[in-house]
């Protein structure tokens, strides 16, 4: 049994948004722990991550990243359901396809990535920052650093 307790929200003016963000974060992290234990026990985890600040509304940023014709390709991520499948091609050319874990537009998407040894892919908008993650198992460090640099450069070029 695993019990997670988060505290320290008292006195915050925006506590409902903070609690919601923590909930989305824990949803992802706990699903990631389950994914690791069921699919990759004992394997080293390596992460590629790109982050960019945004000034527009979350809805507008989501559309530029995950909407049709956005950073995730011509189809983008639309009309998805948890436990269903998705398939996109990032602006940098990587095909990402797998099973959807979290579908919470315009704040979060996560799912597995078949092409990266059942990695976990996540897009999150929170606190004025867009973060794109790829959490991998059994993937070379050098390959992930190259991917991270491509993603960061590509996301830096989008006006968010």
N, C-alpha and C. Protein backbone atom coordinates (compact mmCIF):
# COMPACT_ATOMS: atom_id res chain seq x y z
N UNK A 1 0.85 -1.17 0.00
CA UNK A 1 0.00 0.00 0.00
C UNK A 1 0.90 1.23 0.00
N UNK A 2 0.53 2.19 -0.81
CA UNK A 2 1.24 3.45 -0.89
C UNK A 2 0.27 4.56 -0.54
N UNK A 3 0.63 5.39 0.41
CA UNK A 3 -0.21 6.52 0.80
C UNK A 3 0.57 7.80 0.53
N UNK A 4 -0.04 8.72 -0.19
CA UNK A 4 0.59 9.99 -0.53
C UNK A 4 -0.13 11.10 0.21
N UNK A 5 0.61 11.92 0.93
CA UNK A 5 0.04 13.05 1.65
C UNK A 5 0.78 14.30 1.19
N UNK A 6 0.02 15.29 0.76
CA UNK A 6 0.60 16.56 0.34
C UNK A 6 0.00 17.64 1.22
N UNK A 7 0.82 18.55 1.70
CA UNK A 7 0.31 19.61 2.58
C UNK A 7 1.01 20.92 2.25
N UNK A 8 0.63 21.96 2.97
CA UNK A 8 1.28 23.27 2.81
C UNK A 8 0.49 24.23 1.94
N UNK A 9 -0.79 24.01 1.77
CA UNK A 9 -1.60 24.86 0.91
C UNK A 9 -2.27 26.01 1.65
N UNK A 10 -2.31 25.94 2.96
CA UNK A 10 -2.98 27.00 3.71
C UNK A 10 -2.27 28.34 3.50
N UNK A 11 -3.07 29.37 3.40
CA UNK A 11 -2.51 30.71 3.21
C UNK A 11 -2.26 31.11 1.77
N UNK A 12 -2.46 30.19 0.84
CA UNK A 12 -2.26 30.51 -0.57
C UNK A 12 -3.55 31.11 -1.15
N UNK A 13 -3.42 32.23 -1.85
CA UNK A 13 -4.59 32.85 -2.47
C UNK A 13 -5.18 31.97 -3.57
N UNK A 14 -4.35 31.24 -4.27
CA UNK A 14 -4.75 30.45 -5.43
C UNK A 14 -4.71 28.95 -5.10
N UNK A 15 -5.09 28.59 -3.87
CA UNK A 15 -4.90 27.22 -3.42
C UNK A 15 -5.66 26.19 -4.24
N UNK A 16 -6.83 26.52 -4.78
CA UNK A 16 -7.58 25.55 -5.58
C UNK A 16 -6.82 25.15 -6.84
N UNK A 17 -6.20 26.13 -7.51
CA UNK A 17 -5.39 25.82 -8.70
C UNK A 17 -4.15 25.01 -8.34
N UNK A 18 -3.53 25.35 -7.21
CA UNK A 18 -2.32 24.63 -6.77
C UNK A 18 -2.67 23.19 -6.43
N UNK A 19 -3.76 22.99 -5.70
CA UNK A 19 -4.18 21.63 -5.34
C UNK A 19 -4.50 20.84 -6.60
N UNK A 20 -5.19 21.47 -7.57
CA UNK A 20 -5.49 20.80 -8.83
C UNK A 20 -4.24 20.39 -9.58
N UNK A 21 -3.25 21.28 -9.61
CA UNK A 21 -1.99 20.97 -10.30
C UNK A 21 -1.26 19.82 -9.60
N UNK A 22 -1.26 19.83 -8.28
CA UNK A 22 -0.62 18.73 -7.55
C UNK A 22 -1.34 17.42 -7.85
N UNK A 23 -2.66 17.46 -7.92
CA UNK A 23 -3.43 16.25 -8.23
C UNK A 23 -3.08 15.70 -9.60
N UNK A 24 -2.98 16.59 -10.60
CA UNK A 24 -2.59 16.13 -11.94
C UNK A 24 -1.18 15.57 -11.92
N UNK A 25 -0.30 16.22 -11.18
CA UNK A 25 1.08 15.74 -11.07
C UNK A 25 1.15 14.37 -10.42
N UNK A 26 0.39 14.19 -9.34
CA UNK A 26 0.40 12.88 -8.67
C UNK A 26 -0.23 11.81 -9.56
N UNK A 27 -1.28 12.18 -10.31
CA UNK A 27 -1.86 11.21 -11.25
C UNK A 27 -0.78 10.68 -12.18
N UNK A 28 0.00 11.60 -12.74
CA UNK A 28 1.06 11.20 -13.67
C UNK A 28 2.15 10.40 -12.97
N UNK A 29 2.62 10.89 -11.83
CA UNK A 29 3.73 10.23 -11.14
C UNK A 29 3.35 8.83 -10.67
N UNK A 30 2.15 8.67 -10.14
CA UNK A 30 1.74 7.35 -9.67
C UNK A 30 1.51 6.39 -10.84
N UNK A 31 0.98 6.89 -11.94
CA UNK A 31 0.87 6.05 -13.14
C UNK A 31 2.25 5.67 -13.64
N UNK A 32 3.20 6.62 -13.56
CA UNK A 32 4.57 6.34 -13.96
C UNK A 32 5.21 5.27 -13.09
N UNK A 33 4.95 5.31 -11.80
CA UNK A 33 5.48 4.29 -10.88
C UNK A 33 4.88 2.92 -11.22
N UNK A 34 3.59 2.88 -11.45
CA UNK A 34 2.94 1.62 -11.83
C UNK A 34 3.50 1.10 -13.15
N UNK A 35 3.65 2.00 -14.12
CA UNK A 35 4.20 1.62 -15.43
C UNK A 35 5.60 1.01 -15.27
N UNK A 36 6.43 1.66 -14.46
CA UNK A 36 7.79 1.16 -14.22
C UNK A 36 7.75 -0.24 -13.60
N UNK A 37 6.95 -0.41 -12.55
CA UNK A 37 6.92 -1.69 -11.84
C UNK A 37 6.35 -2.82 -12.70
N UNK A 38 5.38 -2.50 -13.55
CA UNK A 38 4.77 -3.53 -14.39
C UNK A 38 5.56 -3.81 -15.67
N UNK A 39 6.21 -2.79 -16.25
CA UNK A 39 6.83 -2.94 -17.57
C UNK A 39 8.36 -2.89 -17.56
N UNK A 40 8.96 -2.18 -16.61
CA UNK A 40 10.41 -1.94 -16.67
C UNK A 40 11.12 -2.14 -15.33
N UNK A 41 10.76 -3.12 -14.54
CA UNK A 41 11.41 -3.26 -13.23
C UNK A 41 12.92 -3.47 -13.38
N UNK A 42 13.67 -2.71 -12.61
CA UNK A 42 15.12 -2.84 -12.62
C UNK A 42 15.84 -2.09 -13.72
N UNK A 43 15.09 -1.52 -14.68
CA UNK A 43 15.72 -0.77 -15.76
C UNK A 43 15.97 0.68 -15.33
N UNK A 44 17.05 1.25 -15.85
CA UNK A 44 17.36 2.65 -15.54
C UNK A 44 16.43 3.58 -16.31
N UNK A 45 15.90 4.55 -15.62
CA UNK A 45 15.03 5.55 -16.24
C UNK A 45 15.86 6.76 -16.65
N UNK A 46 15.63 7.23 -17.88
CA UNK A 46 16.26 8.45 -18.37
C UNK A 46 15.17 9.35 -18.94
N UNK A 47 15.31 10.64 -18.72
CA UNK A 47 14.27 11.58 -19.09
C UNK A 47 14.82 12.65 -20.04
N UNK A 48 14.06 12.95 -21.08
CA UNK A 48 14.31 14.12 -21.93
C UNK A 48 13.19 15.10 -21.60
N UNK A 49 13.55 16.38 -21.46
CA UNK A 49 12.55 17.37 -21.07
C UNK A 49 12.87 18.70 -21.72
N UNK A 50 11.82 19.33 -22.23
CA UNK A 50 11.95 20.68 -22.78
C UNK A 50 10.89 21.55 -22.10
N UNK A 51 11.29 22.77 -21.73
CA UNK A 51 10.37 23.69 -21.05
C UNK A 51 10.46 25.07 -21.67
N UNK A 52 9.29 25.68 -21.83
CA UNK A 52 9.25 27.05 -22.34
C UNK A 52 8.15 27.82 -21.60
N UNK A 53 8.41 29.09 -21.32
CA UNK A 53 7.37 29.91 -20.69
C UNK A 53 6.30 30.28 -21.71
N UNK A 54 5.10 30.56 -21.22
CA UNK A 54 4.06 31.04 -22.12
C UNK A 54 3.32 32.21 -21.47
N UNK A 55 2.79 33.08 -22.34
CA UNK A 55 2.07 34.26 -21.88
C UNK A 55 0.59 34.23 -22.26
N UNK A 56 0.26 33.41 -23.22
CA UNK A 56 -1.12 33.32 -23.68
C UNK A 56 -1.93 32.45 -22.71
N UNK A 57 -3.22 32.33 -22.98
CA UNK A 57 -4.06 31.45 -22.16
C UNK A 57 -3.66 29.99 -22.40
N UNK A 58 -3.95 29.15 -21.42
CA UNK A 58 -3.66 27.72 -21.56
C UNK A 58 -4.35 27.14 -22.79
N UNK A 59 -5.56 27.59 -23.05
CA UNK A 59 -6.31 27.09 -24.21
C UNK A 59 -5.59 27.40 -25.52
N UNK A 60 -5.08 28.63 -25.64
CA UNK A 60 -4.37 29.02 -26.87
C UNK A 60 -3.04 28.27 -27.01
N UNK A 61 -2.33 28.11 -25.90
CA UNK A 61 -1.06 27.38 -25.93
C UNK A 61 -1.32 25.92 -26.30
N UNK A 62 -2.33 25.32 -25.68
CA UNK A 62 -2.67 23.93 -25.97
C UNK A 62 -2.95 23.75 -27.46
N UNK A 63 -3.70 24.68 -28.03
CA UNK A 63 -4.03 24.60 -29.45
C UNK A 63 -2.77 24.66 -30.31
N UNK A 64 -1.81 25.52 -29.95
CA UNK A 64 -0.57 25.64 -30.74
C UNK A 64 0.34 24.42 -30.59
N UNK A 65 0.21 23.73 -29.47
CA UNK A 65 1.04 22.54 -29.24
C UNK A 65 0.33 21.27 -29.68
N UNK A 66 -0.90 21.08 -29.19
CA UNK A 66 -1.59 19.80 -29.38
C UNK A 66 -2.75 19.84 -30.37
N UNK A 67 -3.12 21.03 -30.83
CA UNK A 67 -4.22 21.12 -31.78
C UNK A 67 -3.80 20.75 -33.19
N UNK A 68 -4.76 20.54 -34.08
CA UNK A 68 -4.44 20.23 -35.48
C UNK A 68 -3.53 21.29 -36.08
N UNK A 69 -2.46 20.84 -36.71
CA UNK A 69 -1.50 21.75 -37.32
C UNK A 69 -0.52 22.37 -36.34
N UNK A 70 -0.58 21.95 -35.09
CA UNK A 70 0.33 22.47 -34.07
C UNK A 70 1.64 21.70 -34.00
N UNK A 71 2.33 21.82 -32.89
CA UNK A 71 3.64 21.20 -32.70
C UNK A 71 3.56 19.68 -32.86
N UNK A 72 2.40 19.11 -32.56
CA UNK A 72 2.25 17.65 -32.66
C UNK A 72 1.62 17.20 -33.97
N UNK A 73 1.77 18.00 -35.02
CA UNK A 73 1.41 17.55 -36.35
C UNK A 73 0.03 17.92 -36.84
N UNK A 74 -0.27 17.45 -38.03
CA UNK A 74 -1.50 17.86 -38.71
C UNK A 74 -2.76 17.43 -37.98
N UNK A 75 -2.76 16.25 -37.39
CA UNK A 75 -3.95 15.80 -36.65
C UNK A 75 -3.95 16.30 -35.22
N UNK A 76 -2.78 16.41 -34.62
CA UNK A 76 -2.69 16.81 -33.23
C UNK A 76 -3.35 15.81 -32.30
N UNK A 77 -3.65 16.27 -31.10
CA UNK A 77 -4.32 15.45 -30.10
C UNK A 77 -5.72 16.02 -29.90
N UNK A 78 -6.70 15.41 -30.50
CA UNK A 78 -8.08 15.89 -30.37
C UNK A 78 -9.02 14.71 -30.15
N UNK A 79 -10.07 14.97 -29.40
CA UNK A 79 -11.13 13.98 -29.16
C UNK A 79 -10.60 12.63 -28.69
N UNK A 80 -9.72 12.66 -27.72
CA UNK A 80 -9.14 11.43 -27.21
C UNK A 80 -9.85 10.97 -25.95
N UNK A 81 -9.68 9.71 -25.61
CA UNK A 81 -10.24 9.16 -24.38
C UNK A 81 -9.15 8.37 -23.67
N UNK A 82 -9.13 8.48 -22.33
CA UNK A 82 -8.17 7.70 -21.56
C UNK A 82 -8.33 6.23 -21.89
N UNK A 83 -7.20 5.54 -21.96
CA UNK A 83 -7.08 4.12 -22.27
C UNK A 83 -7.22 3.84 -23.78
N UNK A 84 -7.52 4.86 -24.58
CA UNK A 84 -7.54 4.70 -26.02
C UNK A 84 -6.13 4.86 -26.57
N UNK A 85 -6.00 4.90 -27.86
CA UNK A 85 -4.70 5.06 -28.50
C UNK A 85 -4.60 6.43 -29.15
N UNK A 86 -3.37 6.89 -29.31
CA UNK A 86 -3.10 8.14 -30.01
C UNK A 86 -1.92 7.92 -30.94
N UNK A 87 -1.75 8.80 -31.91
CA UNK A 87 -0.61 8.75 -32.83
C UNK A 87 -0.40 10.15 -33.39
N UNK A 88 0.80 10.70 -33.19
CA UNK A 88 1.15 12.03 -33.69
C UNK A 88 2.58 12.01 -34.18
N UNK A 89 2.95 13.05 -34.91
CA UNK A 89 4.33 13.26 -35.31
C UNK A 89 4.72 14.66 -34.88
N UNK A 90 5.71 14.75 -34.00
CA UNK A 90 6.16 16.05 -33.48
C UNK A 90 6.77 16.87 -34.61
N UNK A 91 6.83 18.18 -34.40
CA UNK A 91 7.41 19.09 -35.40
C UNK A 91 8.86 18.73 -35.71
N UNK A 92 9.52 18.03 -34.81
CA UNK A 92 10.91 17.63 -35.01
C UNK A 92 11.04 16.28 -35.70
N UNK A 93 9.89 15.66 -36.06
CA UNK A 93 9.90 14.44 -36.84
C UNK A 93 9.70 13.15 -36.08
N UNK A 94 9.69 13.17 -34.77
CA UNK A 94 9.51 11.93 -34.01
C UNK A 94 8.05 11.51 -34.03
N UNK A 95 7.84 10.23 -34.35
CA UNK A 95 6.50 9.67 -34.28
C UNK A 95 6.27 9.21 -32.85
N UNK A 96 5.14 9.60 -32.29
CA UNK A 96 4.78 9.22 -30.94
C UNK A 96 3.41 8.56 -31.01
N UNK A 97 3.34 7.32 -30.57
CA UNK A 97 2.07 6.60 -30.60
C UNK A 97 2.04 5.63 -29.43
N UNK A 98 0.87 5.48 -28.84
CA UNK A 98 0.74 4.56 -27.72
C UNK A 98 -0.63 4.66 -27.08
N UNK A 99 -0.67 4.26 -25.82
CA UNK A 99 -1.91 4.24 -25.04
C UNK A 99 -2.00 5.50 -24.19
N UNK A 100 -3.15 6.13 -24.18
CA UNK A 100 -3.38 7.36 -23.43
C UNK A 100 -3.58 7.04 -21.96
N UNK A 101 -2.85 7.75 -21.10
CA UNK A 101 -3.03 7.63 -19.65
C UNK A 101 -3.87 8.77 -19.11
N UNK A 102 -3.50 9.99 -19.43
CA UNK A 102 -4.21 11.18 -18.95
C UNK A 102 -4.59 12.07 -20.13
N UNK A 103 -5.84 12.42 -20.21
CA UNK A 103 -6.31 13.34 -21.24
C UNK A 103 -7.09 14.43 -20.53
N UNK A 104 -6.39 15.55 -20.26
CA UNK A 104 -6.98 16.65 -19.51
C UNK A 104 -6.64 17.98 -20.18
N UNK A 105 -7.11 18.18 -21.42
CA UNK A 105 -6.81 19.44 -22.09
C UNK A 105 -7.53 20.60 -21.40
N UNK A 106 -6.99 21.75 -21.31
CA UNK A 106 -5.72 22.20 -21.87
C UNK A 106 -4.56 22.15 -20.88
N UNK A 107 -4.60 21.23 -19.92
CA UNK A 107 -3.58 21.23 -18.88
C UNK A 107 -2.60 20.07 -18.95
N UNK A 108 -3.05 18.91 -19.43
CA UNK A 108 -2.16 17.76 -19.37
C UNK A 108 -2.58 16.68 -20.36
N UNK A 109 -1.57 16.03 -20.91
CA UNK A 109 -1.72 14.80 -21.68
C UNK A 109 -0.57 13.90 -21.29
N UNK A 110 -0.83 12.60 -21.15
CA UNK A 110 0.27 11.64 -21.01
C UNK A 110 -0.17 10.30 -21.58
N UNK A 111 0.83 9.58 -22.05
CA UNK A 111 0.59 8.25 -22.60
C UNK A 111 1.90 7.54 -22.84
N UNK A 112 1.80 6.28 -23.19
CA UNK A 112 3.00 5.51 -23.50
C UNK A 112 3.47 5.87 -24.91
N UNK A 113 4.70 5.50 -25.22
CA UNK A 113 5.25 5.70 -26.57
C UNK A 113 5.87 4.38 -27.02
N UNK A 114 5.17 3.71 -27.94
CA UNK A 114 5.61 2.41 -28.43
C UNK A 114 7.02 2.47 -29.02
N UNK A 115 7.29 3.50 -29.82
CA UNK A 115 8.55 3.61 -30.55
C UNK A 115 9.77 3.83 -29.65
N UNK A 116 9.57 4.16 -28.41
CA UNK A 116 10.67 4.41 -27.47
C UNK A 116 10.63 3.40 -26.33
N UNK A 117 10.43 2.12 -26.65
CA UNK A 117 10.45 1.05 -25.67
C UNK A 117 9.42 1.29 -24.56
N UNK A 118 8.22 1.62 -24.95
CA UNK A 118 7.14 1.91 -24.01
C UNK A 118 7.52 3.00 -23.00
N UNK A 119 8.06 4.08 -23.53
CA UNK A 119 8.36 5.25 -22.70
C UNK A 119 7.05 5.91 -22.28
N UNK A 120 7.15 6.91 -21.41
CA UNK A 120 5.99 7.74 -21.06
C UNK A 120 6.21 9.14 -21.60
N UNK A 121 5.21 9.67 -22.25
CA UNK A 121 5.25 11.01 -22.84
C UNK A 121 4.24 11.87 -22.09
N UNK A 122 4.63 13.10 -21.78
CA UNK A 122 3.72 13.99 -21.06
C UNK A 122 3.87 15.42 -21.55
N UNK A 123 2.74 16.08 -21.70
CA UNK A 123 2.68 17.52 -21.94
C UNK A 123 1.95 18.11 -20.75
N UNK A 124 2.52 19.16 -20.15
CA UNK A 124 1.88 19.80 -19.01
C UNK A 124 1.98 21.31 -19.14
N UNK A 125 0.88 21.99 -18.85
CA UNK A 125 0.87 23.45 -18.75
C UNK A 125 0.52 23.80 -17.32
N UNK A 126 1.44 24.51 -16.66
CA UNK A 126 1.18 24.93 -15.29
C UNK A 126 2.15 26.05 -14.92
N UNK A 127 1.64 27.01 -14.20
CA UNK A 127 2.50 28.08 -13.69
C UNK A 127 3.16 28.90 -14.77
N UNK A 128 2.51 29.07 -15.91
CA UNK A 128 3.09 29.86 -16.99
C UNK A 128 4.19 29.15 -17.76
N UNK A 129 4.28 27.85 -17.63
CA UNK A 129 5.33 27.09 -18.31
C UNK A 129 4.75 25.84 -18.97
N UNK A 130 5.17 25.61 -20.20
CA UNK A 130 4.85 24.39 -20.92
C UNK A 130 6.04 23.45 -20.74
N UNK A 131 5.76 22.22 -20.34
CA UNK A 131 6.81 21.22 -20.20
C UNK A 131 6.42 20.00 -21.02
N UNK A 132 7.38 19.48 -21.79
CA UNK A 132 7.20 18.26 -22.57
C UNK A 132 8.25 17.27 -22.07
N UNK A 133 7.80 16.09 -21.63
CA UNK A 133 8.67 15.06 -21.07
C UNK A 133 8.63 13.81 -21.92
N UNK A 134 9.73 13.09 -21.92
CA UNK A 134 9.77 11.72 -22.40
C UNK A 134 10.57 10.93 -21.38
N UNK A 135 9.91 10.06 -20.66
CA UNK A 135 10.53 9.25 -19.62
C UNK A 135 10.77 7.86 -20.20
N UNK A 136 12.05 7.50 -20.36
CA UNK A 136 12.41 6.29 -21.11
C UNK A 136 13.11 5.25 -20.24
N UNK A 137 13.15 4.04 -20.76
CA UNK A 137 13.85 2.91 -20.12
C UNK A 137 14.65 2.20 -21.20
N UNK A 138 15.94 2.01 -20.95
CA UNK A 138 16.78 1.30 -21.90
C UNK A 138 17.16 2.11 -23.13
N UNK A 139 17.05 3.43 -23.07
CA UNK A 139 17.42 4.30 -24.19
C UNK A 139 18.73 5.00 -23.85
N UNK A 140 19.63 5.08 -24.82
CA UNK A 140 20.94 5.69 -24.59
C UNK A 140 20.84 7.16 -24.21
N UNK A 141 21.67 7.57 -23.29
CA UNK A 141 21.71 8.96 -22.81
C UNK A 141 21.98 9.94 -23.94
N UNK A 142 22.93 9.64 -24.81
CA UNK A 142 23.28 10.55 -25.90
C UNK A 142 22.08 10.78 -26.83
N UNK A 143 21.34 9.74 -27.11
CA UNK A 143 20.16 9.85 -27.97
C UNK A 143 19.10 10.76 -27.32
N UNK A 144 18.91 10.62 -26.02
CA UNK A 144 17.94 11.47 -25.32
C UNK A 144 18.38 12.93 -25.28
N UNK A 145 19.67 13.19 -25.09
CA UNK A 145 20.14 14.58 -25.07
C UNK A 145 19.93 15.24 -26.43
N UNK A 146 20.14 14.48 -27.51
CA UNK A 146 19.88 15.02 -28.85
C UNK A 146 18.41 15.34 -29.02
N UNK A 147 17.55 14.44 -28.59
CA UNK A 147 16.11 14.66 -28.67
C UNK A 147 15.71 15.88 -27.85
N UNK A 148 16.23 15.98 -26.66
CA UNK A 148 15.93 17.10 -25.78
C UNK A 148 16.33 18.43 -26.43
N UNK A 149 17.50 18.48 -27.05
CA UNK A 149 17.95 19.71 -27.72
C UNK A 149 17.04 20.05 -28.91
N UNK A 150 16.65 19.04 -29.70
CA UNK A 150 15.74 19.30 -30.83
C UNK A 150 14.39 19.84 -30.33
N UNK A 151 13.85 19.20 -29.31
CA UNK A 151 12.57 19.65 -28.78
C UNK A 151 12.66 21.06 -28.22
N UNK A 152 13.71 21.32 -27.46
CA UNK A 152 13.86 22.64 -26.86
C UNK A 152 13.97 23.72 -27.93
N UNK A 153 14.81 23.48 -28.93
CA UNK A 153 14.97 24.45 -30.02
C UNK A 153 13.65 24.67 -30.75
N UNK A 154 12.96 23.61 -31.05
CA UNK A 154 11.69 23.71 -31.77
C UNK A 154 10.63 24.46 -30.95
N UNK A 155 10.52 24.16 -29.68
CA UNK A 155 9.54 24.83 -28.82
C UNK A 155 9.89 26.30 -28.59
N UNK A 156 11.19 26.60 -28.53
CA UNK A 156 11.62 27.99 -28.37
C UNK A 156 11.18 28.87 -29.55
N UNK A 157 11.01 28.26 -30.71
CA UNK A 157 10.64 29.00 -31.92
C UNK A 157 9.16 29.30 -32.02
N UNK A 158 8.35 28.67 -31.19
CA UNK A 158 6.90 28.89 -31.22
C UNK A 158 6.55 30.06 -30.31
N UNK A 159 5.74 30.95 -30.79
CA UNK A 159 5.30 32.09 -29.98
C UNK A 159 4.17 31.65 -29.04
N UNK A 160 4.51 31.44 -27.80
CA UNK A 160 3.51 31.01 -26.83
C UNK A 160 3.18 32.16 -25.88
